[in-house]
């Protein structure tokens, strides 16, 4: 029986995701995790950056993909001041931080920090898919995908386009308005077939100089939401002035102030996340990746020294080792 037009288009989309350029670009990435929030201002990007730093400090190979086209802030929070290499229209080289985290963001090749991205609808979804298929990540243990707030075009594009997505982490704050909207993000993830790995509550409490713990926005709201939605609770991040200082300086608080309350909380969450993920094996990335530009007779791209170093690491280890 033949396919009608809508069925044919849907089949093409499935084939593109399963066997196409995105799957090829991510074939050497072991765990792919999206970070989502129901609303803005809950510290989702800061949570992504510090979770990445905690995983990297635990000897995992980590990349961060900034899928927030309108307000990309991953480069700022990772202290990245250089642009990515644009190799024609064929691939993009993620920028590697001094700590060894690979990062890709539209901000790395946009004309300037104050130039707005004024795209709509399908343009954003196409851009997300193009960036996913063009970035040359090489071998990674974790790729964290920082999504914009809400359940619009970009989150849907990611959740539907990333093959073998391992799950979603939800970030909220204790305020009732945040937890209410956050429940929509959880339901959207489930509706799109994504596994919800757990919930992080940011700005959970403040410890004053006298040692008293104050729950400014309410106590245990994140735990209550996780219990109500029947998802794991990964942990709480306290309000810490050092957290904000680190974000403004372009250094994760996990690295800048490793003994701070916020840093210790992120380290515990990273350890909990690693333990709950199933053992997984992926194909080992080639030690040296050089590809000819289409239509040319010579190699136009060579990996930098970091690519050699990273891909030369043993790929036999996994988070549980």
Foldseek 3Di string as FASTA:
>chain_A
DDDDPVVVVVVVLVCCQPPHLLCVLCQQEWAEEEEAFLDPDLCRLLLLQLLQLLVVVVVFQEEEEELPQFDGQNCLLQVNDAAWDDPDLAAIEFDAGPSGYTYDDPQRPDPDPPDGDDDDDPVSLVVLLSNSSHYRRAHGHYYYYYFHYRDDRRVLSVLQRHPPHQAYEYEFELAPVRLVSRVVVVVSCVVSPGHYQAYEYEQQWDQDPVRDIGRPRDHCSRVVSCVVSVHHHLFYAHDDPLCVVSSNNNHRCCPVPVPDRRNVGSSSSSLVSLVPGDDTAGDQGDLWDWDCDPPDDDTDDGDDPSSNVVSPDDRPDGSVD
